[in-house]
Amino acid sequence: MPDPNAAPRAQEIEDIYRALTRGLGHERVNDDNVFDLIRRAEEDGRSILAQELREWQSPCNPDAPSTIAPTPGFNRENRKH
């Protein structure tokens, strides 16, 4: 049996995506649609928008482990006095 929510959801993704391409609609991005929006941006060749959406969905929790390697100069031992 087909999902009765598939067509409305696809239309919502398209509406949000179109808004994003015009610099609008960022408030409509959420955990439930971000991956569909990334996929849509990639299909359309909009790599910058896809990257922005990936950054949006990245964890912002300060307690989350960092995926960025530490660099010298950003710690107490290497700061300028």
C-alpha atoms as a PDB file:
ATOM      1  CA  MET A   1       0.000   0.000   0.000  1.00  0.00           C
ATOM      2  CA  PRO A   2       1.486   3.390  -0.977  1.00  0.00           C
ATOM      3  CA  ASP A   3       2.232   5.929   1.714  1.00  0.00           C
ATOM      4  CA  PRO A   4      -0.601   8.502   1.697  1.00  0.00           C
ATOM      5  CA  ASN A   5       1.814  11.137   3.036  1.00  0.00           C
ATOM      6  CA  ALA A   6       4.416  10.669   0.289  1.00  0.00           C
ATOM      7  CA  ALA A   7       3.019  13.207  -2.199  1.00  0.00           C
ATOM      8  CA  PRO A   8       2.349  15.974   0.351  1.00  0.00           C
ATOM      9  CA  ARG A   9       5.795  15.388   1.888  1.00  0.00           C
ATOM     10  CA  ALA A  10       7.478  15.542  -1.526  1.00  0.00           C
ATOM     11  CA  GLN A  11       5.655  18.804  -2.244  1.00  0.00           C
ATOM     12  CA  GLU A  12       6.703  20.220   1.131  1.00  0.00           C
ATOM     13  CA  ILE A  13      10.350  19.307   0.460  1.00  0.00           C
ATOM     14  CA  GLU A  14      10.116  20.969  -2.955  1.00  0.00           C
ATOM     15  CA  ASP A  15       8.520  24.103  -1.470  1.00  0.00           C
ATOM     16  CA  ILE A  16      11.205  24.380   1.221  1.00  0.00           C
ATOM     17  CA  TYR A  17      13.952  23.700  -1.312  1.00  0.00           C
ATOM     18  CA  ARG A  18      12.664  26.408  -3.676  1.00  0.00           C
ATOM     19  CA  ALA A  19      12.545  28.871  -0.771  1.00  0.00           C
ATOM     20  CA  LEU A  20      16.120  27.968   0.211  1.00  0.00           C
ATOM     21  CA  THR A  21      17.344  28.612  -3.332  1.00  0.00           C
ATOM     22  CA  ARG A  22      15.988  32.143  -2.944  1.00  0.00           C
ATOM     23  CA  GLY A  23      17.671  32.609   0.443  1.00  0.00           C
ATOM     24  CA  LEU A  24      14.443  32.040   2.389  1.00  0.00           C
ATOM     25  CA  GLY A  25      12.842  29.238   4.381  1.00  0.00           C
ATOM     26  CA  HIS A  26      15.744  28.350   6.675  1.00  0.00           C
ATOM     27  CA  GLU A  27      13.365  28.228   9.626  1.00  0.00           C
ATOM     28  CA  ARG A  28      11.499  25.373   7.930  1.00  0.00           C
ATOM     29  CA  VAL A  29      14.539  23.058   7.911  1.00  0.00           C
ATOM     30  CA  ASN A  30      14.350  20.412  10.635  1.00  0.00           C
ATOM     31  CA  ASP A  31      15.684  16.974  11.550  1.00  0.00           C
ATOM     32  CA  ASP A  32      12.878  15.296   9.617  1.00  0.00           C
ATOM     33  CA  ASN A  33      13.573  16.985   6.265  1.00  0.00           C
ATOM     34  CA  VAL A  34      17.239  17.983   6.221  1.00  0.00           C
ATOM     35  CA  PHE A  35      18.486  14.796   4.519  1.00  0.00           C
ATOM     36  CA  ASP A  36      15.806  15.019   1.821  1.00  0.00           C
ATOM     37  CA  LEU A  37      16.764  18.666   1.259  1.00  0.00           C
ATOM     38  CA  ILE A  38      20.472  17.768   1.019  1.00  0.00           C
ATOM     39  CA  ARG A  39      19.652  15.070  -1.536  1.00  0.00           C
ATOM     40  CA  ARG A  40      17.475  17.539  -3.501  1.00  0.00           C
ATOM     41  CA  ALA A  41      20.231  20.169  -3.541  1.00  0.00           C
ATOM     42  CA  GLU A  42      22.771  17.598  -4.748  1.00  0.00           C
ATOM     43  CA  GLU A  43      20.401  16.456  -7.521  1.00  0.00           C
ATOM     44  CA  ASP A  44      20.140  20.069  -8.667  1.00  0.00           C
ATOM     45  CA  GLY A  45      23.919  20.604  -8.570  1.00  0.00           C
ATOM     46  CA  ARG A  46      23.734  23.129  -5.744  1.00  0.00           C
ATOM     47  CA  SER A  47      26.765  21.936  -3.785  1.00  0.00           C
ATOM     48  CA  ILE A  48      27.010  25.060  -1.622  1.00  0.00           C
ATOM     49  CA  LEU A  49      23.395  24.733  -0.469  1.00  0.00           C
ATOM     50  CA  ALA A  50      23.940  21.014   0.199  1.00  0.00           C
ATOM     51  CA  GLN A  51      27.027  21.854   2.271  1.00  0.00           C
ATOM     52  CA  GLU A  52      25.129  24.514   4.238  1.00  0.00           C
ATOM     53  CA  LEU A  53      22.420  21.966   5.000  1.00  0.00           C
ATOM     54  CA  ARG A  54      25.048  19.431   6.124  1.00  0.00           C
ATOM     55  CA  GLU A  55      26.491  22.067   8.437  1.00  0.00           C
ATOM     56  CA  TRP A  56      22.986  22.797   9.748  1.00  0.00           C
ATOM     57  CA  GLN A  57      22.463  19.172  10.674  1.00  0.00           C
ATOM     58  CA  SER A  58      25.872  18.871  12.351  1.00  0.00           C
ATOM     59  CA  PRO A  59      25.733  18.522  16.125  1.00  0.00           C
ATOM     60  CA  CYS A  60      25.917  21.858  17.897  1.00  0.00           C
ATOM     61  CA  ASN A  61      25.949  20.319  21.339  1.00  0.00           C
ATOM     62  CA  PRO A  62      29.061  21.611  23.152  1.00  0.00           C
ATOM     63  CA  ASP A  63      29.357  18.214  24.872  1.00  0.00           C
ATOM     64  CA  ALA A  64      29.385  16.346  21.558  1.00  0.00           C
ATOM     65  CA  PRO A  65      32.790  15.042  20.491  1.00  0.00           C
ATOM     66  CA  SER A  66      34.518  17.295  18.003  1.00  0.00           C
ATOM     67  CA  THR A  67      35.285  16.018  14.530  1.00  0.00           C
ATOM     68  CA  ILE A  68      37.872  18.749  13.992  1.00  0.00           C
ATOM     69  CA  ALA A  69      41.474  18.064  14.942  1.00  0.00           C
ATOM     70  CA  PRO A  70      42.892  20.495  17.507  1.00  0.00           C
ATOM     71  CA  THR A  71      45.427  22.957  16.196  1.00  0.00           C
ATOM     72  CA  PRO A  72      48.383  24.461  18.045  1.00  0.00           C
ATOM     73  CA  GLY A  73      47.813  27.975  19.257  1.00  0.00           C
ATOM     74  CA  PHE A  74      44.349  27.422  20.630  1.00  0.00           C
ATOM     75  CA  ASN A  75      45.386  26.297  24.051  1.00  0.00           C
ATOM     76  CA  ARG A  76      46.864  27.935  27.144  1.00  0.00           C
ATOM     77  CA  GLU A  77      50.391  26.698  26.573  1.00  0.00           C
ATOM     78  CA  ASN A  78      50.660  28.291  23.145  1.00  0.00           C
ATOM     79  CA  ARG A  79      48.832  31.569  23.683  1.00  0.00           C
ATOM     80  CA  LYS A  80      50.633  34.894  23.392  1.00  0.00           C
ATOM     81  CA  HIS A  81      51.537  36.542  26.702  1.00  0.00           C
END
